[in-house]
N, C-alpha and C. Protein backbone atom coordinates (compact mmCIF):
# COMPACT_ATOMS: atom_id res chain seq x y z
N MET A 1 87.81 36.75 81.83
CA MET A 1 88.36 37.30 83.06
C MET A 1 89.01 36.19 83.87
N VAL A 2 90.00 36.57 84.63
CA VAL A 2 90.64 35.66 85.59
C VAL A 2 90.55 36.32 86.96
N TRP A 3 90.03 35.57 87.92
CA TRP A 3 89.96 36.04 89.29
C TRP A 3 91.08 35.38 90.06
N GLY A 4 91.98 36.16 90.63
CA GLY A 4 93.10 35.63 91.39
C GLY A 4 92.68 35.25 92.79
N PRO A 5 93.50 34.49 93.50
CA PRO A 5 93.17 34.07 94.86
C PRO A 5 92.96 35.25 95.81
N ASP A 6 93.60 36.38 95.50
CA ASP A 6 93.45 37.57 96.35
C ASP A 6 92.28 38.45 95.93
N GLY A 7 91.52 38.00 94.92
CA GLY A 7 90.35 38.75 94.47
C GLY A 7 90.61 39.69 93.30
N THR A 8 91.86 39.79 92.86
CA THR A 8 92.12 40.66 91.71
C THR A 8 91.50 40.06 90.45
N VAL A 9 91.03 40.92 89.58
CA VAL A 9 90.41 40.50 88.33
C VAL A 9 91.26 41.00 87.18
N THR A 10 91.58 40.09 86.25
CA THR A 10 92.38 40.44 85.08
C THR A 10 91.61 40.06 83.83
N ALA A 11 91.48 41.00 82.91
CA ALA A 11 90.80 40.73 81.64
C ALA A 11 91.74 39.95 80.73
N LEU A 12 91.20 38.97 80.04
CA LEU A 12 91.96 38.22 79.04
C LEU A 12 91.73 38.87 77.68
N ALA A 13 92.80 39.28 77.04
CA ALA A 13 92.68 39.92 75.74
C ALA A 13 92.39 38.88 74.67
N ALA A 14 91.42 39.16 73.81
CA ALA A 14 91.14 38.31 72.65
C ALA A 14 92.03 38.76 71.50
N PRO A 15 92.27 37.90 70.53
CA PRO A 15 93.04 38.35 69.37
C PRO A 15 92.33 39.52 68.67
N ALA A 16 93.09 40.35 67.99
CA ALA A 16 92.54 41.50 67.27
C ALA A 16 91.47 41.04 66.29
N GLY A 17 90.35 41.77 66.25
CA GLY A 17 89.28 41.47 65.32
C GLY A 17 88.26 40.46 65.80
N TYR A 18 88.44 39.92 67.00
CA TYR A 18 87.49 38.94 67.53
C TYR A 18 86.28 39.66 68.12
N VAL A 19 85.09 39.13 67.84
CA VAL A 19 83.86 39.73 68.37
C VAL A 19 83.37 39.00 69.63
N THR A 20 83.79 37.75 69.81
CA THR A 20 83.44 37.01 71.02
C THR A 20 84.64 36.19 71.47
N SER A 21 84.71 35.93 72.76
CA SER A 21 85.69 34.98 73.29
C SER A 21 85.21 34.53 74.66
N SER A 22 85.58 33.31 75.02
CA SER A 22 85.23 32.78 76.33
C SER A 22 86.34 31.88 76.81
N ALA A 23 86.52 31.82 78.11
CA ALA A 23 87.50 30.92 78.73
C ALA A 23 86.74 29.78 79.40
N THR A 24 87.24 28.55 79.23
CA THR A 24 86.52 27.39 79.75
C THR A 24 87.31 26.53 80.72
N ARG A 25 88.64 26.58 80.69
CA ARG A 25 89.46 25.75 81.59
C ARG A 25 90.73 26.51 81.94
N ILE A 26 91.30 26.18 83.11
CA ILE A 26 92.58 26.73 83.53
C ILE A 26 93.38 25.64 84.23
N THR A 27 94.71 25.65 84.03
CA THR A 27 95.57 24.67 84.69
C THR A 27 96.15 25.26 85.97
N ASP A 28 96.80 24.42 86.75
CA ASP A 28 97.47 24.88 87.97
C ASP A 28 98.56 25.90 87.65
N SER A 29 99.14 25.80 86.43
CA SER A 29 100.22 26.72 86.05
C SER A 29 99.70 27.99 85.38
N GLY A 30 98.38 28.14 85.25
CA GLY A 30 97.81 29.37 84.71
C GLY A 30 97.54 29.37 83.22
N ILE A 31 97.69 28.24 82.54
CA ILE A 31 97.33 28.16 81.12
C ILE A 31 95.82 28.08 81.02
N ILE A 32 95.23 28.89 80.14
CA ILE A 32 93.78 28.97 80.00
C ILE A 32 93.40 28.63 78.57
N ILE A 33 92.32 27.85 78.41
CA ILE A 33 91.79 27.58 77.07
C ILE A 33 90.38 28.12 76.95
N GLY A 34 89.98 28.33 75.72
CA GLY A 34 88.64 28.81 75.46
C GLY A 34 88.37 28.83 73.97
N THR A 35 87.38 29.63 73.59
CA THR A 35 86.93 29.71 72.20
C THR A 35 86.63 31.15 71.86
N GLY A 36 86.84 31.50 70.61
CA GLY A 36 86.49 32.83 70.14
C GLY A 36 86.07 32.79 68.69
N ARG A 37 85.50 33.91 68.23
CA ARG A 37 85.10 34.04 66.83
C ARG A 37 85.55 35.40 66.29
N PRO A 38 86.29 35.35 65.19
CA PRO A 38 86.67 36.61 64.55
C PRO A 38 85.55 37.11 63.65
N GLY A 39 85.53 38.42 63.41
CA GLY A 39 84.55 38.97 62.46
C GLY A 39 83.13 38.80 62.94
N ALA A 40 82.26 38.43 62.03
CA ALA A 40 80.84 38.27 62.33
C ALA A 40 80.61 37.17 63.36
N PRO A 41 79.60 37.34 64.23
CA PRO A 41 79.32 36.32 65.25
C PRO A 41 78.98 34.95 64.66
N THR A 42 78.65 34.88 63.39
CA THR A 42 78.31 33.60 62.78
C THR A 42 79.53 32.90 62.19
N GLY A 43 80.73 33.45 62.36
CA GLY A 43 81.94 32.84 61.83
C GLY A 43 82.29 31.54 62.53
N ALA A 44 83.34 30.88 62.05
CA ALA A 44 83.78 29.61 62.62
C ALA A 44 84.44 29.81 63.98
N ASP A 45 84.27 28.83 64.85
CA ASP A 45 84.96 28.84 66.14
C ASP A 45 86.47 28.72 65.92
N HIS A 46 87.22 29.33 66.84
CA HIS A 46 88.67 29.19 66.89
C HIS A 46 89.02 28.86 68.34
N ALA A 47 89.79 27.80 68.55
CA ALA A 47 90.27 27.50 69.90
C ALA A 47 91.32 28.55 70.27
N LEU A 48 91.27 29.02 71.51
CA LEU A 48 92.22 30.01 72.00
C LEU A 48 92.94 29.46 73.22
N VAL A 49 94.23 29.82 73.35
CA VAL A 49 95.03 29.42 74.50
C VAL A 49 95.77 30.65 75.01
N TRP A 50 95.57 30.95 76.30
CA TRP A 50 96.29 32.04 76.94
C TRP A 50 97.38 31.43 77.81
N ASN A 51 98.63 31.92 77.68
CA ASN A 51 99.68 31.42 78.56
C ASN A 51 99.56 32.12 79.92
N ALA A 52 100.40 31.72 80.86
CA ALA A 52 100.30 32.26 82.22
C ALA A 52 100.52 33.78 82.27
N ALA A 53 101.22 34.33 81.28
CA ALA A 53 101.46 35.78 81.22
C ALA A 53 100.31 36.52 80.55
N GLY A 54 99.34 35.79 79.98
CA GLY A 54 98.18 36.42 79.35
C GLY A 54 98.24 36.55 77.85
N ALA A 55 99.35 36.14 77.22
CA ALA A 55 99.43 36.19 75.75
C ALA A 55 98.53 35.11 75.17
N VAL A 56 97.81 35.43 74.09
CA VAL A 56 96.84 34.51 73.51
C VAL A 56 97.35 33.96 72.18
N ALA A 57 97.06 32.67 71.95
CA ALA A 57 97.36 32.01 70.67
C ALA A 57 96.07 31.48 70.09
N ASP A 58 95.92 31.59 68.79
CA ASP A 58 94.75 31.11 68.06
C ASP A 58 95.12 29.77 67.42
N LEU A 59 94.35 28.72 67.70
CA LEU A 59 94.66 27.39 67.17
C LEU A 59 94.03 27.11 65.82
N GLY A 60 93.35 28.09 65.22
CA GLY A 60 92.86 27.95 63.86
C GLY A 60 91.36 27.81 63.73
N ALA A 61 90.88 28.13 62.52
CA ALA A 61 89.45 28.05 62.21
C ALA A 61 88.96 26.62 62.32
N GLY A 62 87.77 26.45 62.86
CA GLY A 62 87.17 25.13 62.99
C GLY A 62 87.72 24.31 64.13
N SER A 63 88.51 24.93 65.00
CA SER A 63 89.07 24.20 66.14
C SER A 63 88.25 24.50 67.39
N ARG A 64 88.29 23.56 68.33
CA ARG A 64 87.59 23.74 69.60
C ARG A 64 88.44 23.09 70.68
N ALA A 65 88.86 23.87 71.66
CA ALA A 65 89.65 23.36 72.79
C ALA A 65 88.70 22.85 73.87
N ARG A 66 88.92 21.64 74.33
CA ARG A 66 88.03 21.04 75.34
C ARG A 66 88.72 20.81 76.67
N ALA A 67 90.04 20.57 76.65
CA ALA A 67 90.77 20.29 77.89
C ALA A 67 92.24 20.63 77.69
N VAL A 68 92.94 20.84 78.81
CA VAL A 68 94.38 21.13 78.79
C VAL A 68 95.00 20.51 80.03
N ASN A 69 96.21 19.96 79.87
CA ASN A 69 96.88 19.42 81.06
C ASN A 69 97.91 20.42 81.56
N ASN A 70 98.55 20.12 82.68
CA ASN A 70 99.51 21.04 83.27
C ASN A 70 100.76 21.23 82.44
N GLY A 71 101.01 20.35 81.47
CA GLY A 71 102.14 20.52 80.56
C GLY A 71 101.82 21.43 79.39
N GLY A 72 100.56 21.86 79.28
CA GLY A 72 100.17 22.77 78.21
C GLY A 72 99.66 22.10 76.95
N THR A 73 99.49 20.77 76.97
CA THR A 73 98.92 20.08 75.82
C THR A 73 97.41 20.27 75.83
N VAL A 74 96.88 20.77 74.73
CA VAL A 74 95.46 21.05 74.58
C VAL A 74 94.83 19.96 73.73
N VAL A 75 93.61 19.54 74.07
CA VAL A 75 92.87 18.57 73.25
C VAL A 75 91.49 19.12 72.95
N GLY A 76 90.94 18.62 71.85
CA GLY A 76 89.60 19.03 71.43
C GLY A 76 89.31 18.43 70.07
N ASN A 77 88.83 19.26 69.17
CA ASN A 77 88.59 18.77 67.82
C ASN A 77 88.92 19.85 66.80
N LEU A 78 89.26 19.38 65.62
CA LEU A 78 89.63 20.24 64.50
C LEU A 78 89.00 19.66 63.25
N GLY A 79 88.04 20.37 62.69
CA GLY A 79 87.40 19.90 61.47
C GLY A 79 86.71 18.56 61.62
N GLY A 80 86.06 18.30 62.75
CA GLY A 80 85.31 17.06 62.94
C GLY A 80 86.12 15.88 63.42
N GLN A 81 87.42 16.08 63.68
CA GLN A 81 88.27 14.99 64.16
C GLN A 81 88.94 15.38 65.47
N ALA A 82 89.10 14.41 66.36
CA ALA A 82 89.80 14.64 67.62
C ALA A 82 91.23 15.08 67.31
N ALA A 83 91.72 16.02 68.11
CA ALA A 83 93.07 16.53 67.90
C ALA A 83 93.68 16.93 69.23
N ARG A 84 95.00 17.03 69.20
CA ARG A 84 95.72 17.61 70.34
C ARG A 84 96.69 18.62 69.75
N TRP A 85 97.01 19.61 70.57
CA TRP A 85 97.97 20.62 70.16
C TRP A 85 99.10 20.61 71.18
N SER A 86 100.33 20.61 70.69
CA SER A 86 101.46 20.67 71.60
C SER A 86 101.50 22.05 72.25
N ALA A 87 102.33 22.22 73.24
CA ALA A 87 102.41 23.48 73.97
C ALA A 87 102.76 24.65 73.05
N ASP A 88 103.42 24.37 71.90
CA ASP A 88 103.74 25.47 70.97
C ASP A 88 102.64 25.72 69.95
N GLY A 89 101.49 25.00 70.06
CA GLY A 89 100.35 25.23 69.16
C GLY A 89 100.31 24.37 67.92
N THR A 90 101.23 23.41 67.79
CA THR A 90 101.24 22.53 66.63
C THR A 90 100.10 21.51 66.74
N PRO A 91 99.21 21.45 65.71
CA PRO A 91 98.11 20.46 65.76
C PRO A 91 98.61 19.06 65.43
N LEU A 92 98.12 18.09 66.17
CA LEU A 92 98.46 16.68 65.96
C LEU A 92 97.16 15.89 65.94
N PRO A 93 96.65 15.52 64.74
CA PRO A 93 95.39 14.76 64.69
C PRO A 93 95.52 13.44 65.46
N LEU A 94 94.42 13.02 66.05
CA LEU A 94 94.37 11.75 66.78
C LEU A 94 93.66 10.71 65.94
N ALA A 95 94.33 9.64 65.60
CA ALA A 95 93.76 8.48 64.92
C ALA A 95 92.55 8.82 64.05
N PRO A 96 92.77 9.44 62.89
CA PRO A 96 91.64 9.81 62.03
C PRO A 96 90.78 8.60 61.68
N SER A 97 89.50 8.85 61.54
CA SER A 97 88.57 7.78 61.17
C SER A 97 87.46 8.36 60.32
N THR A 98 86.58 7.49 59.84
CA THR A 98 85.43 7.95 59.07
C THR A 98 84.36 8.49 60.00
N LEU A 99 84.50 8.25 61.29
CA LEU A 99 83.54 8.75 62.27
C LEU A 99 83.98 10.14 62.75
N THR A 100 83.03 10.93 63.17
CA THR A 100 83.34 12.20 63.82
C THR A 100 83.93 11.86 65.18
N SER A 101 84.92 12.63 65.63
CA SER A 101 85.51 12.34 66.94
C SER A 101 85.83 13.64 67.66
N VAL A 102 85.83 13.55 68.99
CA VAL A 102 86.10 14.69 69.86
C VAL A 102 86.94 14.20 71.03
N ALA A 103 88.01 14.91 71.33
CA ALA A 103 88.81 14.65 72.53
C ALA A 103 88.30 15.60 73.61
N THR A 104 87.96 15.08 74.78
CA THR A 104 87.34 15.89 75.83
C THR A 104 88.15 15.99 77.11
N GLY A 105 89.15 15.14 77.30
CA GLY A 105 89.94 15.16 78.53
C GLY A 105 91.34 14.67 78.30
N ILE A 106 92.29 15.17 79.08
CA ILE A 106 93.69 14.73 79.01
C ILE A 106 94.27 14.78 80.42
N ASN A 107 95.08 13.78 80.75
CA ASN A 107 95.74 13.81 82.06
C ASN A 107 97.18 14.28 81.88
N ASP A 108 97.91 14.41 82.98
CA ASP A 108 99.27 14.93 82.91
C ASP A 108 100.26 13.94 82.31
N GLN A 109 99.87 12.68 82.14
CA GLN A 109 100.71 11.70 81.45
C GLN A 109 100.47 11.72 79.94
N GLY A 110 99.45 12.45 79.49
CA GLY A 110 99.17 12.56 78.06
C GLY A 110 98.12 11.60 77.54
N ALA A 111 97.48 10.80 78.42
CA ALA A 111 96.38 9.94 77.99
C ALA A 111 95.15 10.82 77.76
N ILE A 112 94.44 10.55 76.68
CA ILE A 112 93.32 11.39 76.25
C ILE A 112 92.06 10.53 76.17
N VAL A 113 90.93 11.11 76.52
CA VAL A 113 89.64 10.44 76.36
C VAL A 113 88.71 11.33 75.56
N GLY A 114 87.68 10.70 75.04
CA GLY A 114 86.66 11.41 74.26
C GLY A 114 85.71 10.41 73.67
N TYR A 115 85.26 10.69 72.46
CA TYR A 115 84.30 9.79 71.84
C TYR A 115 84.28 9.97 70.33
N THR A 116 83.78 8.96 69.66
CA THR A 116 83.50 9.03 68.23
C THR A 116 81.99 8.94 68.10
N SER A 117 81.48 9.38 66.97
CA SER A 117 80.04 9.28 66.74
C SER A 117 79.77 9.01 65.27
N ASP A 118 78.63 8.40 65.00
CA ASP A 118 78.23 8.13 63.64
C ASP A 118 78.07 9.44 62.88
N PRO A 119 78.48 9.48 61.62
CA PRO A 119 78.33 10.71 60.85
C PRO A 119 76.87 10.93 60.45
N PRO A 120 76.48 12.21 60.21
CA PRO A 120 75.13 12.47 59.72
C PRO A 120 74.95 11.79 58.38
N PRO A 121 73.79 11.43 57.93
CA PRO A 121 72.52 11.75 58.55
C PRO A 121 72.06 10.69 59.55
N ALA A 122 72.92 9.73 59.86
CA ALA A 122 72.54 8.68 60.82
C ALA A 122 72.23 9.31 62.18
N ARG A 123 71.42 8.63 62.94
CA ARG A 123 71.14 9.08 64.30
C ARG A 123 72.43 8.94 65.10
N ALA A 124 72.81 9.97 65.76
CA ALA A 124 74.10 9.99 66.46
C ALA A 124 74.16 8.94 67.57
N GLN A 125 75.15 8.08 67.45
CA GLN A 125 75.45 7.10 68.49
C GLN A 125 76.89 7.37 68.90
N PHE A 126 77.16 7.42 70.19
CA PHE A 126 78.48 7.78 70.68
C PHE A 126 79.20 6.58 71.25
N TYR A 127 80.53 6.56 71.04
CA TYR A 127 81.36 5.45 71.46
C TYR A 127 82.57 6.02 72.21
N ALA A 128 82.69 5.74 73.51
CA ALA A 128 83.78 6.27 74.33
C ALA A 128 85.12 5.69 73.87
N GLN A 129 86.13 6.56 73.81
CA GLN A 129 87.46 6.19 73.32
C GLN A 129 88.54 6.67 74.28
N ARG A 130 89.70 6.01 74.19
CA ARG A 130 90.89 6.46 74.92
C ARG A 130 92.07 6.43 73.96
N TRP A 131 92.75 7.57 73.86
CA TRP A 131 93.96 7.67 73.03
C TRP A 131 95.16 7.68 73.96
N GLU A 132 96.14 6.83 73.68
CA GLU A 132 97.36 6.78 74.48
C GLU A 132 98.33 7.86 74.00
N PRO A 133 99.33 8.21 74.81
CA PRO A 133 100.29 9.23 74.39
C PRO A 133 100.99 8.90 73.06
N ASP A 134 101.12 7.61 72.73
CA ASP A 134 101.75 7.22 71.46
C ASP A 134 100.79 7.34 70.26
N GLY A 135 99.53 7.73 70.51
CA GLY A 135 98.56 7.92 69.44
C GLY A 135 97.63 6.75 69.21
N SER A 136 97.91 5.59 69.81
CA SER A 136 97.02 4.45 69.63
C SER A 136 95.69 4.72 70.32
N VAL A 137 94.63 4.13 69.78
CA VAL A 137 93.29 4.38 70.31
C VAL A 137 92.61 3.05 70.63
N THR A 138 91.86 3.03 71.71
CA THR A 138 91.05 1.86 72.06
C THR A 138 89.67 2.34 72.50
N ALA A 139 88.68 1.52 72.19
CA ALA A 139 87.32 1.81 72.64
C ALA A 139 87.23 1.43 74.11
N LEU A 140 86.62 2.28 74.91
CA LEU A 140 86.41 1.92 76.32
C LEU A 140 85.30 0.87 76.38
N PRO A 141 85.40 -0.07 77.33
CA PRO A 141 84.42 -1.16 77.39
C PRO A 141 82.98 -0.65 77.53
N GLU A 142 82.08 -1.38 76.89
CA GLU A 142 80.65 -1.07 77.00
C GLU A 142 80.17 -1.46 78.38
N TRP A 143 79.20 -0.74 78.89
CA TRP A 143 78.63 -1.08 80.19
C TRP A 143 77.88 -2.40 80.09
N ALA A 144 77.11 -2.57 79.04
CA ALA A 144 76.40 -3.81 78.75
C ALA A 144 76.08 -3.79 77.26
N SER A 145 75.96 -4.96 76.66
CA SER A 145 75.73 -5.00 75.21
C SER A 145 74.44 -4.30 74.80
N VAL A 146 73.48 -4.21 75.70
CA VAL A 146 72.23 -3.53 75.36
C VAL A 146 72.36 -2.01 75.52
N TYR A 147 73.47 -1.54 76.11
CA TYR A 147 73.73 -0.12 76.27
C TYR A 147 75.12 0.22 75.73
N PRO A 148 75.34 0.11 74.42
CA PRO A 148 76.70 0.30 73.91
C PRO A 148 77.11 1.76 73.74
N TYR A 149 76.22 2.72 73.93
CA TYR A 149 76.51 4.10 73.58
C TYR A 149 76.96 4.89 74.80
N SER A 150 78.19 5.41 74.74
CA SER A 150 78.73 6.14 75.89
C SER A 150 79.70 7.21 75.42
N THR A 151 79.94 8.17 76.30
CA THR A 151 80.92 9.22 76.06
C THR A 151 81.84 9.29 77.27
N ALA A 152 83.11 9.60 77.03
CA ALA A 152 84.09 9.78 78.10
C ALA A 152 84.47 11.25 78.12
N TYR A 153 84.52 11.85 79.31
CA TYR A 153 84.80 13.28 79.42
C TYR A 153 86.09 13.64 80.14
N PHE A 154 86.44 12.91 81.20
CA PHE A 154 87.59 13.28 82.01
C PHE A 154 88.41 12.05 82.34
N ILE A 155 89.73 12.23 82.50
CA ILE A 155 90.62 11.15 82.91
C ILE A 155 91.57 11.67 83.97
N THR A 156 91.68 10.93 85.08
CA THR A 156 92.59 11.33 86.16
C THR A 156 94.00 10.87 85.83
N ASP A 157 94.97 11.37 86.59
CA ASP A 157 96.35 10.95 86.39
C ASP A 157 96.53 9.47 86.68
N SER A 158 95.66 8.87 87.49
CA SER A 158 95.74 7.44 87.79
C SER A 158 94.98 6.60 86.75
N GLY A 159 94.35 7.25 85.76
CA GLY A 159 93.69 6.52 84.68
C GLY A 159 92.21 6.26 84.85
N ILE A 160 91.59 6.76 85.90
CA ILE A 160 90.14 6.60 86.05
C ILE A 160 89.46 7.56 85.08
N VAL A 161 88.49 7.04 84.36
CA VAL A 161 87.76 7.82 83.36
C VAL A 161 86.31 7.95 83.79
N VAL A 162 85.74 9.14 83.64
CA VAL A 162 84.32 9.33 83.90
C VAL A 162 83.65 9.87 82.65
N GLY A 163 82.39 9.51 82.52
CA GLY A 163 81.61 9.94 81.37
C GLY A 163 80.16 9.59 81.61
N GLU A 164 79.46 9.32 80.52
CA GLU A 164 78.06 8.97 80.67
C GLU A 164 77.64 7.95 79.62
N LEU A 165 76.57 7.28 79.96
CA LEU A 165 75.92 6.29 79.12
C LEU A 165 74.54 6.83 78.80
N MET A 166 74.11 6.67 77.57
CA MET A 166 72.76 7.12 77.21
C MET A 166 71.87 5.89 77.10
N LEU A 167 70.91 5.79 78.00
CA LEU A 167 69.97 4.67 77.97
C LEU A 167 69.06 4.80 76.75
N ARG A 168 68.86 3.72 76.06
CA ARG A 168 68.00 3.71 74.88
C ARG A 168 67.11 2.48 74.92
N GLY A 169 65.89 2.64 74.45
CA GLY A 169 65.01 1.49 74.31
C GLY A 169 64.28 1.07 75.57
N LEU A 170 64.38 1.85 76.64
CA LEU A 170 63.69 1.53 77.88
C LEU A 170 62.72 2.65 78.22
N ALA A 171 62.05 2.51 79.34
CA ALA A 171 61.16 3.58 79.80
C ALA A 171 61.95 4.86 80.02
N GLY A 172 63.26 4.75 80.33
CA GLY A 172 64.12 5.91 80.55
C GLY A 172 64.83 6.35 79.30
N TYR A 173 64.27 6.09 78.14
CA TYR A 173 64.90 6.40 76.86
C TYR A 173 65.48 7.81 76.83
N GLY A 174 66.73 7.91 76.43
CA GLY A 174 67.37 9.20 76.32
C GLY A 174 67.90 9.75 77.64
N ARG A 175 67.83 8.97 78.70
CA ARG A 175 68.28 9.42 80.02
C ARG A 175 69.76 9.08 80.19
N PRO A 176 70.59 10.08 80.52
CA PRO A 176 72.01 9.78 80.75
C PRO A 176 72.25 9.19 82.14
N GLU A 177 73.21 8.31 82.21
CA GLU A 177 73.66 7.72 83.48
C GLU A 177 75.16 7.92 83.58
N VAL A 178 75.66 8.22 84.76
CA VAL A 178 77.08 8.43 84.98
C VAL A 178 77.83 7.10 84.89
N LEU A 179 78.99 7.12 84.24
CA LEU A 179 79.85 5.93 84.13
C LEU A 179 81.24 6.25 84.67
N ARG A 180 81.90 5.22 85.17
CA ARG A 180 83.30 5.36 85.59
C ARG A 180 84.01 4.09 85.12
N TRP A 181 85.13 4.30 84.42
CA TRP A 181 85.96 3.18 83.98
C TRP A 181 87.24 3.20 84.82
N HIS A 182 87.66 2.02 85.30
CA HIS A 182 88.89 1.90 86.07
C HIS A 182 89.96 1.28 85.19
N PRO A 183 91.22 1.69 85.38
CA PRO A 183 92.31 1.11 84.56
C PRO A 183 92.50 -0.37 84.83
């Protein structure tokens, strides 16, 4: 559903045959992203994008939309790798690696943040990343060498990134702490 500023409520149509759908983000221009599942509830996730007029596009099986900027570029993951989709729905993988990766935020300049993680069966350790509009990737600085595990979730248009650090090996083991990276 979309609630307008005047209180009107509009239902978002899911693609035909979908048994579930949810909306998770909206842009200033009215582009909405979310997730749905066709067929049985145990099927694979599909990232969904609704344009400002309410038409929905399916970004494919195994995709997950995590963020969208005002230009309509969607980021998330596709088959265990960070990805972005252009406004027309074309998938563009982000710096593939042997690690699992997820894109979680994008600003209006096209800079993307997220994280990579160790593949199973290893204990998951997360490493905050930043992908530039040209596709190059850099690891965000560690808070301290004894706390190297972090995730990045959002990036502002000025380049400030926020995320979290997971404390390990202390009395606060497993406790998240908020992080902010400045450009």
